[in-house]
Amino acid sequence: MPTGGGCGMGKGLHGGHRVTGDDAFLRLLRDSHIFATAIREVLDIRLLREVSPSPLTPSQFHVLKLMSFNGNHQIGEVADFLGVSPPAATKNIDKLEGLGLVNRSPSKGDRRATLLSVSRKGRRLVRKYEDLRTARLSPVVAAFSATELRQFTRLLERFSVSLLSQEPSGERFCLRCAGYIEDDCPVGQVYGGCRYQKVRRPAVRKGAAAEVS
């Protein structure tokens, strides 16, 4: 990348003054976008195309994976996960049901409510994706030492948390981990804890099915 006039993107970032280490800053932006795009294209879009005979969006699959790992969900949760309205979430559930990945059943306690559950086909799809993902990533990970991976993970985490902390907080689900939930998620801490865990733990402990109205 040129260090002279270049594209001039570094100018005006701070009141018209150039930022110290301007080239490093632009390189960081460039490589961050490349990393995010690679994750989405290689692990989300491409793998989904291979494991699913019918097209699924990454968001739809992430919701399916969460439901598969953690039980049933309410329609409001699905809407929050997808970042859409409840009617739009219903359309996504309709698609998952149409593909045989999600089952609906009437609630015994409330005739107005419907229970959602992931079908055996849906669970097989999630397992197939996870197995293929592991197989694809294994040679990539093997090219780095354990120390390098730990250092990269720590830096990636610090950068992500710092960037997300600039967003206004709100009472909404995060799902930025793509469903790889952990109790002490540093990103969740930016929002006062993982909201998904807060909602799901009581239901998981009781072994009760969530109802979808």
C-alpha atoms as a PDB file:
ATOM      1  CA  MET A   1       0.000   0.000   0.000  1.00  0.00           C
ATOM      2  CA  PRO A   2       1.500   3.399  -0.959  1.00  0.00           C
ATOM      3  CA  THR A   3       2.707   5.580   1.874  1.00  0.00           C
ATOM      4  CA  GLY A   4       2.557   8.823  -0.057  1.00  0.00           C
ATOM      5  CA  GLY A   5      -0.570  10.511  -1.363  1.00  0.00           C
ATOM      6  CA  GLY A   6      -2.385   7.204  -1.885  1.00  0.00           C
ATOM      7  CA  CYS A   7      -6.133   7.288  -1.782  1.00  0.00           C
ATOM      8  CA  GLY A   8      -6.188   9.919   0.943  1.00  0.00           C
ATOM      9  CA  MET A   9      -8.517   7.872   3.162  1.00  0.00           C
ATOM     10  CA  GLY A  10      -6.438   8.657   6.237  1.00  0.00           C
ATOM     11  CA  LYS A  11      -7.070  12.394   5.876  1.00  0.00           C
ATOM     12  CA  GLY A  12     -10.013  13.846   7.647  1.00  0.00           C
ATOM     13  CA  LEU A  13     -10.367  10.987  10.109  1.00  0.00           C
ATOM     14  CA  HIS A  14      -9.725  13.316  13.013  1.00  0.00           C
ATOM     15  CA  GLY A  15     -10.611  16.885  12.173  1.00  0.00           C
ATOM     16  CA  GLY A  16      -8.661  16.834   8.912  1.00  0.00           C
ATOM     17  CA  HIS A  17      -5.416  15.592  10.491  1.00  0.00           C
ATOM     18  CA  ARG A  18      -3.642  12.418   9.475  1.00  0.00           C
ATOM     19  CA  VAL A  19      -3.614   9.598  11.990  1.00  0.00           C
ATOM     20  CA  THR A  20      -0.283   8.281  13.220  1.00  0.00           C
ATOM     21  CA  GLY A  21       0.279   4.850  11.671  1.00  0.00           C
ATOM     22  CA  ASP A  22      -2.278   5.631   8.977  1.00  0.00           C
ATOM     23  CA  ASP A  23      -1.172   2.756   6.749  1.00  0.00           C
ATOM     24  CA  ALA A  24      -1.406   0.308   9.629  1.00  0.00           C
ATOM     25  CA  PHE A  25      -4.915   1.569  10.378  1.00  0.00           C
ATOM     26  CA  LEU A  26      -6.065   1.079   6.797  1.00  0.00           C
ATOM     27  CA  ARG A  27      -4.399  -2.332   6.684  1.00  0.00           C
ATOM     28  CA  LEU A  28      -6.323  -3.291   9.814  1.00  0.00           C
ATOM     29  CA  LEU A  29      -9.609  -2.270   8.210  1.00  0.00           C
ATOM     30  CA  ARG A  30      -8.747  -4.151   5.024  1.00  0.00           C
ATOM     31  CA  ASP A  31      -7.727  -7.369   6.759  1.00  0.00           C
ATOM     32  CA  SER A  32     -10.682  -7.207   9.136  1.00  0.00           C
ATOM     33  CA  HIS A  33     -13.074  -7.103   6.195  1.00  0.00           C
ATOM     34  CA  ILE A  34     -11.208  -9.940   4.471  1.00  0.00           C
ATOM     35  CA  PHE A  35     -11.405 -12.079   7.624  1.00  0.00           C
ATOM     36  CA  ALA A  36     -15.119 -11.404   8.135  1.00  0.00           C
ATOM     37  CA  THR A  37     -15.869 -12.101   4.467  1.00  0.00           C
ATOM     38  CA  ALA A  38     -13.833 -15.314   4.485  1.00  0.00           C
ATOM     39  CA  ILE A  39     -15.702 -16.593   7.530  1.00  0.00           C
ATOM     40  CA  ARG A  40     -19.073 -15.800   5.976  1.00  0.00           C
ATOM     41  CA  GLU A  41     -18.305 -17.180   2.509  1.00  0.00           C
ATOM     42  CA  VAL A  42     -16.310 -20.271   3.495  1.00  0.00           C
ATOM     43  CA  LEU A  43     -17.939 -21.362   6.751  1.00  0.00           C
ATOM     44  CA  ASP A  44     -21.455 -20.014   6.339  1.00  0.00           C
ATOM     45  CA  ILE A  45     -22.554 -19.775   2.736  1.00  0.00           C
ATOM     46  CA  ARG A  46     -20.379 -22.426   1.069  1.00  0.00           C
ATOM     47  CA  LEU A  47     -20.728 -25.095   3.747  1.00  0.00           C
ATOM     48  CA  LEU A  48     -24.481 -24.560   3.941  1.00  0.00           C
ATOM     49  CA  ARG A  49     -24.729 -25.096   0.212  1.00  0.00           C
ATOM     50  CA  GLU A  50     -22.869 -28.389   0.571  1.00  0.00           C
ATOM     51  CA  VAL A  51     -24.812 -29.823   3.503  1.00  0.00           C
ATOM     52  CA  SER A  52     -28.290 -28.568   2.623  1.00  0.00           C
ATOM     53  CA  PRO A  53     -30.001 -29.540  -0.644  1.00  0.00           C
ATOM     54  CA  SER A  54     -32.265 -26.501  -0.223  1.00  0.00           C
ATOM     55  CA  PRO A  55     -30.969 -22.950   0.242  1.00  0.00           C
ATOM     56  CA  LEU A  56     -30.765 -21.672   3.817  1.00  0.00           C
ATOM     57  CA  THR A  57     -29.535 -18.268   4.926  1.00  0.00           C
ATOM     58  CA  PRO A  58     -26.811 -18.202   7.614  1.00  0.00           C
ATOM     59  CA  SER A  59     -29.269 -16.580  10.040  1.00  0.00           C
ATOM     60  CA  GLN A  60     -31.839 -19.316   9.490  1.00  0.00           C
ATOM     61  CA  PHE A  61     -29.227 -21.983  10.090  1.00  0.00           C
ATOM     62  CA  HIS A  62     -27.910 -20.258  13.220  1.00  0.00           C
ATOM     63  CA  VAL A  63     -31.431 -20.263  14.658  1.00  0.00           C
ATOM     64  CA  LEU A  64     -31.854 -23.926  13.709  1.00  0.00           C
ATOM     65  CA  LYS A  65     -28.551 -24.749  15.414  1.00  0.00           C
ATOM     66  CA  LEU A  66     -29.522 -22.890  18.591  1.00  0.00           C
ATOM     67  CA  MET A  67     -32.857 -24.673  18.720  1.00  0.00           C
ATOM     68  CA  SER A  68     -31.122 -28.002  18.137  1.00  0.00           C
ATOM     69  CA  PHE A  69     -28.615 -27.472  20.939  1.00  0.00           C
ATOM     70  CA  ASN A  70     -30.844 -25.737  23.475  1.00  0.00           C
ATOM     71  CA  GLY A  71     -34.416 -26.847  22.965  1.00  0.00           C
ATOM     72  CA  ASN A  72     -37.494 -25.066  21.683  1.00  0.00           C
ATOM     73  CA  HIS A  73     -37.984 -21.337  21.283  1.00  0.00           C
ATOM     74  CA  GLN A  74     -40.690 -18.735  21.277  1.00  0.00           C
ATOM     75  CA  ILE A  75     -41.456 -16.855  18.089  1.00  0.00           C
ATOM     76  CA  GLY A  76     -40.290 -13.618  19.735  1.00  0.00           C
ATOM     77  CA  GLU A  77     -36.861 -15.146  20.310  1.00  0.00           C
ATOM     78  CA  VAL A  78     -36.647 -16.264  16.694  1.00  0.00           C
ATOM     79  CA  ALA A  79     -37.565 -12.743  15.604  1.00  0.00           C
ATOM     80  CA  ASP A  80     -34.802 -11.303  17.793  1.00  0.00           C
ATOM     81  CA  PHE A  81     -32.240 -13.814  16.512  1.00  0.00           C
ATOM     82  CA  LEU A  82     -33.013 -12.939  12.906  1.00  0.00           C
ATOM     83  CA  GLY A  83     -33.412  -9.226  13.614  1.00  0.00           C
ATOM     84  CA  VAL A  84     -36.847  -9.158  11.982  1.00  0.00           C
ATOM     85  CA  SER A  85     -40.483  -8.666  12.991  1.00  0.00           C
ATOM     86  CA  PRO A  86     -42.518 -11.591  14.381  1.00  0.00           C
ATOM     87  CA  PRO A  87     -44.443 -11.983  11.079  1.00  0.00           C
ATOM     88  CA  ALA A  88     -41.150 -12.145   9.186  1.00  0.00           C
ATOM     89  CA  ALA A  89     -39.820 -14.655  11.717  1.00  0.00           C
ATOM     90  CA  THR A  90     -42.911 -16.762  11.119  1.00  0.00           C
ATOM     91  CA  LYS A  91     -42.078 -16.829   7.408  1.00  0.00           C
ATOM     92  CA  ASN A  92     -38.590 -18.115   8.228  1.00  0.00           C
ATOM     93  CA  ILE A  93     -40.056 -20.803  10.490  1.00  0.00           C
ATOM     94  CA  ASP A  94     -42.512 -21.689   7.711  1.00  0.00           C
ATOM     95  CA  LYS A  95     -39.547 -22.222   5.406  1.00  0.00           C
ATOM     96  CA  LEU A  96     -37.707 -24.390   7.927  1.00  0.00           C
ATOM     97  CA  GLU A  97     -40.886 -26.397   8.474  1.00  0.00           C
ATOM     98  CA  GLY A  98     -41.437 -26.724   4.729  1.00  0.00           C
ATOM     99  CA  LEU A  99     -37.937 -28.170   4.401  1.00  0.00           C
ATOM    100  CA  GLY A 100     -38.725 -30.681   7.128  1.00  0.00           C
ATOM    101  CA  LEU A 101     -36.212 -29.164   9.559  1.00  0.00           C
ATOM    102  CA  VAL A 102     -38.689 -27.884  12.148  1.00  0.00           C
ATOM    103  CA  ASN A 103     -41.882 -29.446  13.515  1.00  0.00           C
ATOM    104  CA  ARG A 104     -44.970 -27.710  14.837  1.00  0.00           C
ATOM    105  CA  SER A 105     -47.299 -29.339  17.345  1.00  0.00           C
ATOM    106  CA  PRO A 106     -50.307 -27.999  19.277  1.00  0.00           C
ATOM    107  CA  SER A 107     -49.895 -27.059  22.912  1.00  0.00           C
ATOM    108  CA  LYS A 108     -51.907 -29.102  25.385  1.00  0.00           C
ATOM    109  CA  GLY A 109     -52.148 -26.173  27.780  1.00  0.00           C
ATOM    110  CA  ASP A 110     -53.104 -23.427  25.318  1.00  0.00           C
ATOM    111  CA  ARG A 111     -54.985 -24.022  22.081  1.00  0.00           C
ATOM    112  CA  ARG A 112     -53.803 -20.655  20.778  1.00  0.00           C
ATOM    113  CA  ALA A 113     -50.156 -21.667  21.116  1.00  0.00           C
ATOM    114  CA  THR A 114     -47.978 -23.946  19.027  1.00  0.00           C
ATOM    115  CA  LEU A 115     -44.841 -25.809  20.048  1.00  0.00           C
ATOM    116  CA  LEU A 116     -41.740 -25.688  17.840  1.00  0.00           C
ATOM    117  CA  SER A 117     -39.092 -28.408  17.811  1.00  0.00           C
ATOM    118  CA  VAL A 118     -36.195 -29.328  15.540  1.00  0.00           C
ATOM    119  CA  SER A 119     -36.864 -32.487  13.554  1.00  0.00           C
ATOM    120  CA  ARG A 120     -34.484 -35.414  13.231  1.00  0.00           C
ATOM    121  CA  LYS A 121     -33.685 -34.186   9.745  1.00  0.00           C
ATOM    122  CA  GLY A 122     -32.846 -30.766  11.161  1.00  0.00           C
ATOM    123  CA  ARG A 123     -30.567 -32.245  13.807  1.00  0.00           C
ATOM    124  CA  ARG A 124     -28.813 -34.379  11.200  1.00  0.00           C
ATOM    125  CA  LEU A 125     -28.236 -31.261   9.110  1.00  0.00           C
ATOM    126  CA  VAL A 126     -26.673 -29.445  12.067  1.00  0.00           C
ATOM    127  CA  ARG A 127     -24.393 -32.409  12.857  1.00  0.00           C
ATOM    128  CA  LYS A 128     -23.391 -32.728   9.202  1.00  0.00           C
ATOM    129  CA  TYR A 129     -22.478 -29.046   9.088  1.00  0.00           C
ATOM    130  CA  GLU A 130     -20.456 -29.227  12.304  1.00  0.00           C
ATOM    131  CA  ASP A 131     -18.546 -32.303  11.086  1.00  0.00           C
ATOM    132  CA  LEU A 132     -17.772 -30.724   7.721  1.00  0.00           C
ATOM    133  CA  ARG A 133     -16.734 -27.458   9.352  1.00  0.00           C
ATOM    134  CA  THR A 134     -14.285 -29.311  11.591  1.00  0.00           C
ATOM    135  CA  ALA A 135     -12.844 -31.198   8.626  1.00  0.00           C
ATOM    136  CA  ARG A 136     -12.342 -27.992   6.618  1.00  0.00           C
ATOM    137  CA  LEU A 137     -10.798 -26.034   9.477  1.00  0.00           C
ATOM    138  CA  SER A 138      -8.476 -28.766  10.758  1.00  0.00           C
ATOM    139  CA  PRO A 139      -5.728 -28.238   8.135  1.00  0.00           C
ATOM    140  CA  VAL A 140      -5.993 -24.462   8.547  1.00  0.00           C
ATOM    141  CA  VAL A 141      -5.628 -24.652  12.312  1.00  0.00           C
ATOM    142  CA  ALA A 142      -2.798 -27.186  12.003  1.00  0.00           C
ATOM    143  CA  ALA A 143      -0.699 -24.568  10.201  1.00  0.00           C
ATOM    144  CA  PHE A 144      -0.477 -22.522  13.416  1.00  0.00           C
ATOM    145  CA  SER A 145       1.038 -23.342  16.785  1.00  0.00           C
ATOM    146  CA  ALA A 146      -1.093 -23.483  19.904  1.00  0.00           C
ATOM    147  CA  THR A 147       0.599 -20.295  21.121  1.00  0.00           C
ATOM    148  CA  GLU A 148      -0.176 -18.476  17.879  1.00  0.00           C
ATOM    149  CA  LEU A 149      -3.820 -19.534  18.024  1.00  0.00           C
ATOM    150  CA  ARG A 150      -4.183 -18.371  21.632  1.00  0.00           C
ATOM    151  CA  GLN A 151      -2.560 -15.019  20.821  1.00  0.00           C
ATOM    152  CA  PHE A 152      -4.726 -14.563  17.735  1.00  0.00           C
ATOM    153  CA  THR A 153      -7.863 -15.480  19.668  1.00  0.00           C
ATOM    154  CA  ARG A 154      -7.082 -13.017  22.470  1.00  0.00           C
ATOM    155  CA  LEU A 155      -6.361 -10.173  20.060  1.00  0.00           C
ATOM    156  CA  LEU A 156      -9.421 -10.946  17.949  1.00  0.00           C
ATOM    157  CA  GLU A 157     -11.567 -11.000  21.063  1.00  0.00           C
ATOM    158  CA  ARG A 158     -10.163  -7.706  22.373  1.00  0.00           C
ATOM    159  CA  PHE A 159     -10.656  -5.981  19.029  1.00  0.00           C
ATOM    160  CA  SER A 160     -14.216  -7.308  18.596  1.00  0.00           C
ATOM    161  CA  VAL A 161     -15.292  -6.358  22.117  1.00  0.00           C
ATOM    162  CA  SER A 162     -13.771  -2.892  21.793  1.00  0.00           C
ATOM    163  CA  LEU A 163     -15.508  -2.330  18.463  1.00  0.00           C
ATOM    164  CA  LEU A 164     -18.892  -3.573  19.662  1.00  0.00           C
ATOM    165  CA  SER A 165     -18.649  -1.478  22.819  1.00  0.00           C
ATOM    166  CA  GLN A 166     -19.062   1.585  20.588  1.00  0.00           C
ATOM    167  CA  GLU A 167     -22.601   0.492  19.744  1.00  0.00           C
ATOM    168  CA  PRO A 168     -25.504   1.745  21.834  1.00  0.00           C
ATOM    169  CA  SER A 169     -26.666  -1.017  24.150  1.00  0.00           C
ATOM    170  CA  GLY A 170     -30.197  -2.325  23.835  1.00  0.00           C
ATOM    171  CA  GLU A 171     -32.419  -5.049  25.167  1.00  0.00           C
ATOM    172  CA  ARG A 172     -32.017  -7.485  22.308  1.00  0.00           C
ATOM    173  CA  PHE A 173     -30.394 -10.767  21.512  1.00  0.00           C
ATOM    174  CA  CYS A 174     -26.829 -10.723  20.283  1.00  0.00           C
ATOM    175  CA  LEU A 175     -26.115 -13.938  18.325  1.00  0.00           C
ATOM    176  CA  ARG A 176     -22.840 -12.485  17.059  1.00  0.00           C
ATOM    177  CA  CYS A 177     -21.176 -15.773  18.027  1.00  0.00           C
ATOM    178  CA  ALA A 178     -23.323 -17.618  15.444  1.00  0.00           C
ATOM    179  CA  GLY A 179     -24.707 -19.802  18.207  1.00  0.00           C
ATOM    180  CA  TYR A 180     -21.440 -20.935  19.806  1.00  0.00           C
ATOM    181  CA  ILE A 181     -22.655 -19.959  23.262  1.00  0.00           C
ATOM    182  CA  GLU A 182     -20.353 -19.804  26.277  1.00  0.00           C
ATOM    183  CA  ASP A 183     -21.159 -18.673  29.799  1.00  0.00           C
ATOM    184  CA  ASP A 184     -18.493 -15.961  30.103  1.00  0.00           C
ATOM    185  CA  CYS A 185     -18.743 -14.536  26.598  1.00  0.00           C
ATOM    186  CA  PRO A 186     -16.888 -11.178  26.589  1.00  0.00           C
ATOM    187  CA  VAL A 187     -19.124  -9.881  23.806  1.00  0.00           C
ATOM    188  CA  GLY A 188     -22.205 -10.734  25.846  1.00  0.00           C
ATOM    189  CA  GLN A 189     -20.708  -8.808  28.744  1.00  0.00           C
ATOM    190  CA  VAL A 190     -20.792  -5.677  26.589  1.00  0.00           C
ATOM    191  CA  TYR A 191     -24.577  -6.031  26.667  1.00  0.00           C
ATOM    192  CA  GLY A 192     -24.770  -6.906  30.355  1.00  0.00           C
ATOM    193  CA  GLY A 193     -24.525 -10.665  29.870  1.00  0.00           C
ATOM    194  CA  CYS A 194     -25.680 -13.112  27.241  1.00  0.00           C
ATOM    195  CA  ARG A 195     -29.404 -12.540  26.872  1.00  0.00           C
ATOM    196  CA  TYR A 196     -29.834 -15.878  25.171  1.00  0.00           C
ATOM    197  CA  GLN A 197     -28.492 -17.682  28.239  1.00  0.00           C
ATOM    198  CA  LYS A 198     -30.681 -15.623  30.550  1.00  0.00           C
ATOM    199  CA  VAL A 199     -33.801 -16.648  28.651  1.00  0.00           C
ATOM    200  CA  ARG A 200     -32.931 -20.268  27.951  1.00  0.00           C
ATOM    201  CA  ARG A 201     -31.466 -21.447  31.271  1.00  0.00           C
ATOM    202  CA  PRO A 202     -34.776 -21.609  33.194  1.00  0.00           C
ATOM    203  CA  ALA A 203     -36.473 -23.486  30.353  1.00  0.00           C
ATOM    204  CA  VAL A 204     -33.570 -25.888  29.966  1.00  0.00           C
ATOM    205  CA  ARG A 205     -33.430 -26.573  33.690  1.00  0.00           C
ATOM    206  CA  LYS A 206     -37.150 -27.286  33.863  1.00  0.00           C
ATOM    207  CA  GLY A 207     -37.085 -29.333  30.690  1.00  0.00           C
ATOM    208  CA  ALA A 208     -40.155 -27.474  29.520  1.00  0.00           C
ATOM    209  CA  ALA A 209     -41.006 -26.746  25.932  1.00  0.00           C
ATOM    210  CA  ALA A 210     -41.312 -23.120  24.893  1.00  0.00           C
ATOM    211  CA  GLU A 211     -44.527 -22.096  23.270  1.00  0.00           C
ATOM    212  CA  VAL A 212     -44.913 -20.153  20.053  1.00  0.00           C
ATOM    213  CA  SER A 213     -47.964 -18.007  19.791  1.00  0.00           C
END
